Amino acid sequence: MRKMEELVRSNCHDGRLVSKEVADKVRELVHELWLVSDDVFRCELLKMLRGLGVSKRWVRGALRMYGKDLDNRWFTKCNIEWG
């Protein structure tokens, strides 16, 4: 989790600032963490990404949740206000 935070803080998730390959690896890492995590860790991950200023669109893409499931289920469950 700490490494993930360092990558995001270094803007390694942003394909405009680093190579697309690096940004894709960070996105894939977030997705893999999501798949193997329990609900508590998933909420922590979402809160960390929110706190670091990652866009909701980027999170949707990384988690591969393009519908309202992310908003309706996870943001509500984790009590996250994401503009």
Protein backbone atom coordinates (compact mmCIF):
# COMPACT_ATOMS: atom_id res chain seq x y z
CA MET A 1 0.00 0.00 0.00
CA ARG A 2 2.85 2.38 0.83
CA LYS A 3 4.50 1.73 -2.55
CA MET A 4 1.19 2.41 -4.28
CA GLU A 5 0.93 5.73 -2.46
CA GLU A 6 4.47 6.66 -3.52
CA LEU A 7 3.70 5.83 -7.16
CA VAL A 8 0.56 7.95 -7.18
CA ARG A 9 2.26 10.81 -5.34
CA SER A 10 5.00 10.76 -7.97
CA ASN A 11 2.30 11.08 -10.67
CA CYS A 12 3.23 7.68 -12.11
CA HIS A 13 -0.50 7.09 -12.67
CA ASP A 14 -0.71 10.01 -15.12
CA GLY A 15 0.04 8.98 -18.70
CA ARG A 16 0.61 12.62 -19.68
CA LEU A 17 3.54 12.98 -17.28
CA VAL A 18 5.15 9.55 -17.54
CA SER A 19 5.15 6.93 -20.26
CA LYS A 20 1.92 5.11 -21.01
CA GLU A 21 3.58 1.83 -20.01
CA VAL A 22 4.35 3.09 -16.49
CA ALA A 23 0.85 4.53 -16.06
CA ASP A 24 -0.69 1.25 -17.26
CA LYS A 25 1.39 -0.73 -14.75
CA VAL A 26 0.21 1.48 -11.89
CA ARG A 27 -3.39 1.08 -13.06
CA GLU A 28 -2.94 -2.70 -13.24
CA LEU A 29 -1.40 -2.76 -9.75
CA VAL A 30 -4.42 -0.91 -8.33
CA HIS A 31 -6.74 -3.37 -10.08
CA GLU A 32 -4.86 -6.41 -8.74
CA LEU A 33 -4.87 -4.99 -5.21
CA TRP A 34 -8.61 -4.42 -5.51
CA LEU A 35 -9.25 -8.01 -6.59
CA VAL A 36 -7.37 -9.64 -3.72
CA SER A 37 -8.54 -7.27 -0.97
CA ASP A 38 -11.33 -7.47 1.56
CA ASP A 39 -13.93 -4.71 1.91
CA VAL A 40 -12.05 -2.86 4.66
CA PHE A 41 -8.87 -2.63 2.59
CA ARG A 42 -10.86 -1.60 -0.48
CA CYS A 43 -12.30 1.33 1.45
CA GLU A 44 -8.81 2.29 2.63
CA LEU A 45 -7.55 2.12 -0.95
CA LEU A 46 -10.36 4.34 -2.22
CA LYS A 47 -9.81 6.85 0.59
CA MET A 48 -6.08 6.93 -0.11
CA LEU A 49 -6.63 7.54 -3.83
CA ARG A 50 -9.18 10.25 -3.05
CA GLY A 51 -6.79 11.90 -0.62
CA LEU A 52 -4.03 11.90 -3.23
CA GLY A 53 -6.24 13.71 -5.72
CA VAL A 54 -6.67 10.91 -8.25
CA SER A 55 -9.68 11.50 -10.48
CA LYS A 56 -12.80 9.41 -10.11
CA ARG A 57 -12.57 8.61 -13.82
CA TRP A 58 -9.07 7.17 -13.38
CA VAL A 59 -10.25 5.04 -10.44
CA ARG A 60 -13.21 3.75 -12.47
CA GLY A 61 -10.85 2.73 -15.26
CA ALA A 62 -8.34 1.11 -12.93
CA LEU A 63 -11.02 -0.87 -11.10
CA ARG A 64 -12.88 -1.56 -14.34
CA MET A 65 -16.16 -0.33 -12.90
CA TYR A 66 -17.68 1.88 -15.56
CA GLY A 67 -21.28 1.92 -14.36
CA LYS A 68 -22.78 3.36 -11.22
CA ASP A 69 -21.57 0.42 -9.10
CA LEU A 70 -18.55 2.36 -7.86
CA ASP A 71 -20.69 5.34 -6.83
CA ASN A 72 -23.71 3.50 -5.51
CA ARG A 73 -21.95 0.67 -3.74
CA TRP A 74 -18.42 1.56 -2.79
CA PHE A 75 -18.55 5.30 -2.20
CA THR A 76 -21.69 4.83 -0.12
CA LYS A 77 -20.31 1.82 1.74
CA CYS A 78 -17.02 3.59 2.47
CA ASN A 79 -18.71 6.93 3.23
CA ILE A 80 -16.68 8.80 0.61
CA GLU A 81 -17.75 12.10 -0.95
CA TRP A 82 -16.08 12.29 -4.35
CA GLY A 83 -17.02 15.30 -6.49
